[in-house]
Amino acid sequence: MLYRNASELEKSKYEICQNITRYKRINELSLKNLDDILYCRINLLKLDDLASYLEKLGITFHLEIEKKRGVTEKRI
């Protein structure tokens, strides 16, 4: 679950988890050790580990962080 006051890093990790989960569901993959991702336990995950999973699954992603007027925005 993603909290309302989640940081940009937490939001990015959550979105990556959702993309991996969707990909697994659509492609009916049986992958071990993805429980933390499948249940979006983002506090147990590192962004670089998630990026590695995406690469191994052949899922393209782009993470961009911009600063606008003192507010940080992310795009995936």
PDB file of N, CA and C in Angstrom:
ATOM      1  N   MET A   1       0.843  -1.178   0.000  1.00  0.00           N
ATOM      2  CA  MET A   1       0.000   0.000   0.000  1.00  0.00           C
ATOM      3  C   MET A   1       0.885   1.237   0.000  1.00  0.00           C
ATOM      4  N   LEU A   2       0.506   2.217  -0.762  1.00  0.00           N
ATOM      5  CA  LEU A   2       1.256   3.456  -0.854  1.00  0.00           C
ATOM      6  C   LEU A   2       0.553   4.524  -0.027  1.00  0.00           C
ATOM      7  N   TYR A   3       1.292   5.108   0.880  1.00  0.00           N
ATOM      8  CA  TYR A   3       0.718   6.131   1.750  1.00  0.00           C
ATOM      9  C   TYR A   3       0.535   7.449   1.011  1.00  0.00           C
ATOM     10  N   ARG A   4      -0.431   8.219   1.445  1.00  0.00           N
ATOM     11  CA  ARG A   4      -0.741   9.499   0.818  1.00  0.00           C
ATOM     12  C   ARG A   4       0.466  10.432   0.805  1.00  0.00           C
ATOM     13  N   ASN A   5       1.275  10.413   1.865  1.00  0.00           N
ATOM     14  CA  ASN A   5       2.425  11.306   1.959  1.00  0.00           C
ATOM     15  C   ASN A   5       3.724  10.611   1.538  1.00  0.00           C
ATOM     16  N   ALA A   6       3.634   9.630   0.656  1.00  0.00           N
ATOM     17  CA  ALA A   6       4.805   8.884   0.198  1.00  0.00           C
ATOM     18  C   ALA A   6       5.783   9.801  -0.525  1.00  0.00           C
ATOM     19  N   SER A   7       7.062   9.486  -0.388  1.00  0.00           N
ATOM     20  CA  SER A   7       8.101  10.262  -1.070  1.00  0.00           C
ATOM     21  C   SER A   7       8.117   9.911  -2.557  1.00  0.00           C
ATOM     22  N   GLU A   8       8.823  10.706  -3.328  1.00  0.00           N
ATOM     23  CA  GLU A   8       8.935  10.446  -4.762  1.00  0.00           C
ATOM     24  C   GLU A   8       9.619   9.102  -5.011  1.00  0.00           C
ATOM     25  N   LEU A   9      10.604   8.757  -4.189  1.00  0.00           N
ATOM     26  CA  LEU A   9      11.278   7.468  -4.325  1.00  0.00           C
ATOM     27  C   LEU A   9      10.303   6.325  -4.071  1.00  0.00           C
ATOM     28  N   GLU A  10       9.508   6.443  -3.025  1.00  0.00           N
ATOM     29  CA  GLU A  10       8.519   5.405  -2.721  1.00  0.00           C
ATOM     30  C   GLU A  10       7.482   5.287  -3.833  1.00  0.00           C
ATOM     31  N   LYS A  11       7.044   6.408  -4.388  1.00  0.00           N
ATOM     32  CA  LYS A  11       6.079   6.386  -5.494  1.00  0.00           C
ATOM     33  C   LYS A  11       6.676   5.704  -6.719  1.00  0.00           C
ATOM     34  N   SER A  12       7.946   5.977  -7.005  1.00  0.00           N
ATOM     35  CA  SER A  12       8.610   5.359  -8.154  1.00  0.00           C
ATOM     36  C   SER A  12       8.737   3.856  -7.960  1.00  0.00           C
ATOM     37  N   LYS A  13       9.151   3.437  -6.770  1.00  0.00           N
ATOM     38  CA  LYS A  13       9.283   2.015  -6.496  1.00  0.00           C
ATOM     39  C   LYS A  13       7.927   1.329  -6.579  1.00  0.00           C
ATOM     40  N   TYR A  14       6.897   1.968  -6.072  1.00  0.00           N
ATOM     41  CA  TYR A  14       5.549   1.398  -6.121  1.00  0.00           C
ATOM     42  C   TYR A  14       5.098   1.219  -7.571  1.00  0.00           C
ATOM     43  N   GLU A  15       5.334   2.230  -8.399  1.00  0.00           N
ATOM     44  CA  GLU A  15       4.914   2.149  -9.800  1.00  0.00           C
ATOM     45  C   GLU A  15       5.664   1.039 -10.535  1.00  0.00           C
ATOM     46  N   ILE A  16       6.944   0.880 -10.253  1.00  0.00           N
ATOM     47  CA  ILE A  16       7.718  -0.205 -10.858  1.00  0.00           C
ATOM     48  C   ILE A  16       7.152  -1.552 -10.423  1.00  0.00           C
ATOM     49  N   CYS A  17       6.842  -1.679  -9.147  1.00  0.00           N
ATOM     50  CA  CYS A  17       6.244  -2.920  -8.646  1.00  0.00           C
ATOM     51  C   CYS A  17       4.946  -3.230  -9.381  1.00  0.00           C
ATOM     52  N   GLN A  18       4.130  -2.213  -9.576  1.00  0.00           N
ATOM     53  CA  GLN A  18       2.858  -2.408 -10.274  1.00  0.00           C
ATOM     54  C   GLN A  18       3.093  -2.870 -11.709  1.00  0.00           C
ATOM     55  N   ASN A  19       4.083  -2.290 -12.376  1.00  0.00           N
ATOM     56  CA  ASN A  19       4.387  -2.688 -13.754  1.00  0.00           C
ATOM     57  C   ASN A  19       4.874  -4.126 -13.828  1.00  0.00           C
ATOM     58  N   ILE A  20       5.729  -4.528 -12.894  1.00  0.00           N
ATOM     59  CA  ILE A  20       6.220  -5.907 -12.871  1.00  0.00           C
ATOM     60  C   ILE A  20       5.077  -6.873 -12.588  1.00  0.00           C
ATOM     61  N   THR A  21       4.226  -6.524 -11.646  1.00  0.00           N
ATOM     62  CA  THR A  21       3.082  -7.371 -11.312  1.00  0.00           C
ATOM     63  C   THR A  21       2.159  -7.535 -12.506  1.00  0.00           C
ATOM     64  N   ARG A  22       1.885  -6.448 -13.196  1.00  0.00           N
ATOM     65  CA  ARG A  22       1.030  -6.488 -14.384  1.00  0.00           C
ATOM     66  C   ARG A  22       1.656  -7.383 -15.447  1.00  0.00           C
ATOM     67  N   TYR A  23       2.961  -7.211 -15.682  1.00  0.00           N
ATOM     68  CA  TYR A  23       3.668  -8.013 -16.681  1.00  0.00           C
ATOM     69  C   TYR A  23       3.602  -9.499 -16.322  1.00  0.00           C
ATOM     70  N   LYS A  24       3.839  -9.822 -15.054  1.00  0.00           N
ATOM     71  CA  LYS A  24       3.788 -11.216 -14.606  1.00  0.00           C
ATOM     72  C   LYS A  24       2.403 -11.802 -14.810  1.00  0.00           C
ATOM     73  N   ARG A  25       1.379 -11.027 -14.457  1.00  0.00           N
ATOM     74  CA  ARG A  25      -0.001 -11.510 -14.579  1.00  0.00           C
ATOM     75  C   ARG A  25      -0.365 -11.741 -16.052  1.00  0.00           C
ATOM     76  N   ILE A  26      -0.061 -10.791 -16.900  1.00  0.00           N
ATOM     77  CA  ILE A  26      -0.422 -10.892 -18.316  1.00  0.00           C
ATOM     78  C   ILE A  26       0.306 -12.049 -18.991  1.00  0.00           C
ATOM     79  N   ASN A  27       1.579 -12.247 -18.647  1.00  0.00           N
ATOM     80  CA  ASN A  27       2.387 -13.266 -19.293  1.00  0.00           C
ATOM     81  C   ASN A  27       2.416 -14.585 -18.531  1.00  0.00           C
ATOM     82  N   GLU A  28       1.626 -14.676 -17.458  1.00  0.00           N
ATOM     83  CA  GLU A  28       1.511 -15.892 -16.660  1.00  0.00           C
ATOM     84  C   GLU A  28       2.873 -16.475 -16.292  1.00  0.00           C
ATOM     85  N   LEU A  29       3.772 -15.617 -15.840  1.00  0.00           N
ATOM     86  CA  LEU A  29       5.102 -16.060 -15.452  1.00  0.00           C
ATOM     87  C   LEU A  29       5.080 -16.668 -14.058  1.00  0.00           C
ATOM     88  N   SER A  30       5.878 -17.692 -13.869  1.00  0.00           N
ATOM     89  CA  SER A  30       6.031 -18.291 -12.552  1.00  0.00           C
ATOM     90  C   SER A  30       7.447 -17.992 -12.083  1.00  0.00           C
ATOM     91  N   LEU A  31       7.616 -16.921 -11.350  1.00  0.00           N
ATOM     92  CA  LEU A  31       8.940 -16.500 -10.904  1.00  0.00           C
ATOM     93  C   LEU A  31       9.048 -16.602  -9.391  1.00  0.00           C
ATOM     94  N   LYS A  32      10.172 -17.161  -8.927  1.00  0.00           N
ATOM     95  CA  LYS A  32      10.403 -17.280  -7.490  1.00  0.00           C
ATOM     96  C   LYS A  32      10.880 -15.939  -6.920  1.00  0.00           C
ATOM     97  N   ASN A  33      10.721 -15.795  -5.638  1.00  0.00           N
ATOM     98  CA  ASN A  33      11.257 -14.667  -4.883  1.00  0.00           C
ATOM     99  C   ASN A  33      10.747 -13.301  -5.333  1.00  0.00           C
ATOM    100  N   LEU A  34       9.562 -13.266  -5.891  1.00  0.00           N
ATOM    101  CA  LEU A  34       8.986 -11.979  -6.286  1.00  0.00           C
ATOM    102  C   LEU A  34       7.874 -11.549  -5.331  1.00  0.00           C
ATOM    103  N   ASP A  35       7.746 -12.215  -4.206  1.00  0.00           N
ATOM    104  CA  ASP A  35       6.682 -11.865  -3.261  1.00  0.00           C
ATOM    105  C   ASP A  35       6.739 -10.401  -2.833  1.00  0.00           C
ATOM    106  N   ASP A  36       7.943  -9.913  -2.548  1.00  0.00           N
ATOM    107  CA  ASP A  36       8.059  -8.522  -2.106  1.00  0.00           C
ATOM    108  C   ASP A  36       7.584  -7.562  -3.189  1.00  0.00           C
ATOM    109  N   ILE A  37       7.855  -7.921  -4.431  1.00  0.00           N
ATOM    110  CA  ILE A  37       7.402  -7.075  -5.543  1.00  0.00           C
ATOM    111  C   ILE A  37       5.910  -7.250  -5.759  1.00  0.00           C
ATOM    112  N   LEU A  38       5.456  -8.490  -5.784  1.00  0.00           N
ATOM    113  CA  LEU A  38       4.053  -8.758  -6.057  1.00  0.00           C
ATOM    114  C   LEU A  38       3.130  -8.158  -5.003  1.00  0.00           C
ATOM    115  N   TYR A  39       3.623  -8.076  -3.778  1.00  0.00           N
ATOM    116  CA  TYR A  39       2.824  -7.482  -2.705  1.00  0.00           C
ATOM    117  C   TYR A  39       3.242  -6.047  -2.417  1.00  0.00           C
ATOM    118  N   CYS A  40       4.048  -5.485  -3.306  1.00  0.00           N
ATOM    119  CA  CYS A  40       4.487  -4.074  -3.236  1.00  0.00           C
ATOM    120  C   CYS A  40       5.041  -3.716  -1.856  1.00  0.00           C
ATOM    121  N   ARG A  41       5.890  -4.567  -1.343  1.00  0.00           N
ATOM    122  CA  ARG A  41       6.560  -4.287  -0.068  1.00  0.00           C
ATOM    123  C   ARG A  41       7.758  -3.387  -0.346  1.00  0.00           C
ATOM    124  N   ILE A  42       7.475  -2.153  -0.752  1.00  0.00           N
ATOM    125  CA  ILE A  42       8.519  -1.252  -1.229  1.00  0.00           C
ATOM    126  C   ILE A  42       9.549  -0.906  -0.175  1.00  0.00           C
ATOM    127  N   ASN A  43       9.185  -1.019   1.102  1.00  0.00           N
ATOM    128  CA  ASN A  43      10.158  -0.724   2.145  1.00  0.00           C
ATOM    129  C   ASN A  43      11.258  -1.780   2.209  1.00  0.00           C
ATOM    130  N   LEU A  44      11.056  -2.929   1.581  1.00  0.00           N
ATOM    131  CA  LEU A  44      12.052  -4.003   1.564  1.00  0.00           C
ATOM    132  C   LEU A  44      12.855  -4.036   0.270  1.00  0.00           C
ATOM    133  N   LEU A  45      12.563  -3.127  -0.645  1.00  0.00           N
ATOM    134  CA  LEU A  45      13.169  -3.160  -1.973  1.00  0.00           C
ATOM    135  C   LEU A  45      14.076  -1.962  -2.215  1.00  0.00           C
ATOM    136  N   LYS A  46      15.088  -2.193  -3.046  1.00  0.00           N
ATOM    137  CA  LYS A  46      15.974  -1.111  -3.482  1.00  0.00           C
ATOM    138  C   LYS A  46      15.651  -0.801  -4.938  1.00  0.00           C
ATOM    139  N   LEU A  47      15.746   0.464  -5.301  1.00  0.00           N
ATOM    140  CA  LEU A  47      15.418   0.869  -6.662  1.00  0.00           C
ATOM    141  C   LEU A  47      16.311   0.168  -7.681  1.00  0.00           C
ATOM    142  N   ASP A  48      17.598   0.006  -7.383  1.00  0.00           N
ATOM    143  CA  ASP A  48      18.484  -0.668  -8.331  1.00  0.00           C
ATOM    144  C   ASP A  48      18.132  -2.148  -8.504  1.00  0.00           C
ATOM    145  N   ASP A  49      17.643  -2.788  -7.453  1.00  0.00           N
ATOM    146  CA  ASP A  49      17.200  -4.180  -7.575  1.00  0.00           C
ATOM    147  C   ASP A  49      15.962  -4.274  -8.464  1.00  0.00           C
ATOM    148  N   LEU A  50      15.041  -3.340  -8.289  1.00  0.00           N
ATOM    149  CA  LEU A  50      13.843  -3.326  -9.132  1.00  0.00           C
ATOM    150  C   LEU A  50      14.211  -3.100 -10.594  1.00  0.00           C
ATOM    151  N   ALA A  51      15.150  -2.196 -10.837  1.00  0.00           N
ATOM    152  CA  ALA A  51      15.592  -1.941 -12.212  1.00  0.00           C
ATOM    153  C   ALA A  51      16.207  -3.203 -12.814  1.00  0.00           C
ATOM    154  N   SER A  52      16.942  -3.951 -12.006  1.00  0.00           N
ATOM    155  CA  SER A  52      17.538  -5.201 -12.469  1.00  0.00           C
ATOM    156  C   SER A  52      16.461  -6.214 -12.849  1.00  0.00           C
ATOM    157  N   TYR A  53      15.413  -6.328 -12.023  1.00  0.00           N
ATOM    158  CA  TYR A  53      14.301  -7.228 -12.354  1.00  0.00           C
ATOM    159  C   TYR A  53      13.656  -6.821 -13.674  1.00  0.00           C
ATOM    160  N   LEU A  54      13.427  -5.535 -13.843  1.00  0.00           N
ATOM    161  CA  LEU A  54      12.809  -5.070 -15.083  1.00  0.00           C
ATOM    162  C   LEU A  54      13.665  -5.444 -16.280  1.00  0.00           C
ATOM    163  N   GLU A  55      14.967  -5.268 -16.144  1.00  0.00           N
ATOM    164  CA  GLU A  55      15.879  -5.604 -17.238  1.00  0.00           C
ATOM    165  C   GLU A  55      15.827  -7.099 -17.564  1.00  0.00           C
ATOM    166  N   LYS A  56      15.836  -7.937 -16.531  1.00  0.00           N
ATOM    167  CA  LYS A  56      15.788  -9.386 -16.742  1.00  0.00           C
ATOM    168  C   LYS A  56      14.474  -9.826 -17.378  1.00  0.00           C
ATOM    169  N   LEU A  57      13.389  -9.114 -17.062  1.00  0.00           N
ATOM    170  CA  LEU A  57      12.089  -9.448 -17.640  1.00  0.00           C
ATOM    171  C   LEU A  57      11.879  -8.822 -19.016  1.00  0.00           C
ATOM    172  N   GLY A  58      12.830  -8.006 -19.448  1.00  0.00           N
ATOM    173  CA  GLY A  58      12.722  -7.353 -20.751  1.00  0.00           C
ATOM    174  C   GLY A  58      11.709  -6.237 -20.779  1.00  0.00           C
ATOM    175  N   ILE A  59      11.467  -5.611 -19.632  1.00  0.00           N
ATOM    176  CA  ILE A  59      10.508  -4.514 -19.534  1.00  0.00           C
ATOM    177  C   ILE A  59      11.267  -3.193 -19.608  1.00  0.00           C
ATOM    178  N   THR A  60      10.901  -2.376 -20.558  1.00  0.00           N
ATOM    179  CA  THR A  60      11.536  -1.073 -20.722  1.00  0.00           C
ATOM    180  C   THR A  60      10.928  -0.075 -19.755  1.00  0.00           C
ATOM    181  N   PHE A  61      11.785   0.728 -19.137  1.00  0.00           N
ATOM    182  CA  PHE A  61      11.296   1.786 -18.270  1.00  0.00           C
ATOM    183  C   PHE A  61      12.232   2.978 -18.353  1.00  0.00           C
ATOM    184  N   HIS A  62      11.705   4.117 -17.992  1.00  0.00           N
ATOM    185  CA  HIS A  62      12.482   5.358 -17.990  1.00  0.00           C
ATOM    186  C   HIS A  62      12.112   6.122 -16.728  1.00  0.00           C
ATOM    187  N   LEU A  63      13.105   6.469 -15.957  1.00  0.00           N
ATOM    188  CA  LEU A  63      12.882   7.231 -14.732  1.00  0.00           C
ATOM    189  C   LEU A  63      13.564   8.572 -14.891  1.00  0.00           C
ATOM    190  N   GLU A  64      12.791   9.623 -14.746  1.00  0.00           N
ATOM    191  CA  GLU A  64      13.318  10.975 -14.892  1.00  0.00           C
ATOM    192  C   GLU A  64      12.825  11.807 -13.719  1.00  0.00           C
ATOM    193  N   ILE A  65      13.738  12.487 -13.069  1.00  0.00           N
ATOM    194  CA  ILE A  65      13.368  13.340 -11.950  1.00  0.00           C
ATOM    195  C   ILE A  65      13.757  14.765 -12.292  1.00  0.00           C
ATOM    196  N   GLU A  66      12.797  15.658 -12.224  1.00  0.00           N
ATOM    197  CA  GLU A  66      13.022  17.063 -12.530  1.00  0.00           C
ATOM    198  C   GLU A  66      12.726  17.910 -11.309  1.00  0.00           C
ATOM    199  N   LYS A  67      13.396  19.028 -11.229  1.00  0.00           N
ATOM    200  CA  LYS A  67      13.074  19.990 -10.179  1.00  0.00           C
ATOM    201  C   LYS A  67      12.449  21.202 -10.856  1.00  0.00           C
ATOM    202  N   LYS A  68      11.266  21.549 -10.391  1.00  0.00           N
ATOM    203  CA  LYS A  68      10.569  22.718 -10.919  1.00  0.00           C
ATOM    204  C   LYS A  68      10.148  23.584  -9.754  1.00  0.00           C
ATOM    205  N   ARG A  69      10.664  24.775  -9.699  1.00  0.00           N
ATOM    206  CA  ARG A  69      10.288  25.734  -8.658  1.00  0.00           C
ATOM    207  C   ARG A  69      10.319  25.124  -7.265  1.00  0.00           C
ATOM    208  N   GLY A  70      11.371  24.385  -6.985  1.00  0.00           N
ATOM    209  CA  GLY A  70      11.516  23.815  -5.654  1.00  0.00           C
ATOM    210  C   GLY A  70      10.717  22.561  -5.401  1.00  0.00           C
ATOM    211  N   VAL A  71       9.982  22.072  -6.402  1.00  0.00           N
ATOM    212  CA  VAL A  71       9.181  20.850  -6.255  1.00  0.00           C
ATOM    213  C   VAL A  71       9.787  19.791  -7.156  1.00  0.00           C
ATOM    214  N   THR A  72      10.003  18.618  -6.620  1.00  0.00           N
ATOM    215  CA  THR A  72      10.562  17.519  -7.388  1.00  0.00           C
ATOM    216  C   THR A  72       9.434  16.737  -8.022  1.00  0.00           C
ATOM    217  N   GLU A  73       9.573  16.457  -9.319  1.00  0.00           N
ATOM    218  CA  GLU A  73       8.599  15.658 -10.051  1.00  0.00           C
ATOM    219  C   GLU A  73       9.301  14.429 -10.600  1.00  0.00           C
ATOM    220  N   LYS A  74       8.560  13.348 -10.758  1.00  0.00           N
ATOM    221  CA  LYS A  74       9.112  12.147 -11.373  1.00  0.00           C
ATOM    222  C   LYS A  74       8.240  11.739 -12.541  1.00  0.00           C
ATOM    223  N   ARG A  75       8.895  11.151 -13.514  1.00  0.00           N
ATOM    224  CA  ARG A  75       8.183  10.611 -14.673  1.00  0.00           C
ATOM    225  C   ARG A  75       8.713   9.206 -14.907  1.00  0.00           C
ATOM    226  N   ILE A  76       7.803   8.309 -15.160  1.00  0.00           N
ATOM    227  CA  ILE A  76       8.195   6.931 -15.504  1.00  0.00           C
ATOM    228  C   ILE A  76       7.535   6.576 -16.818  1.00  0.00           C
TER     229      ILE A  76
END
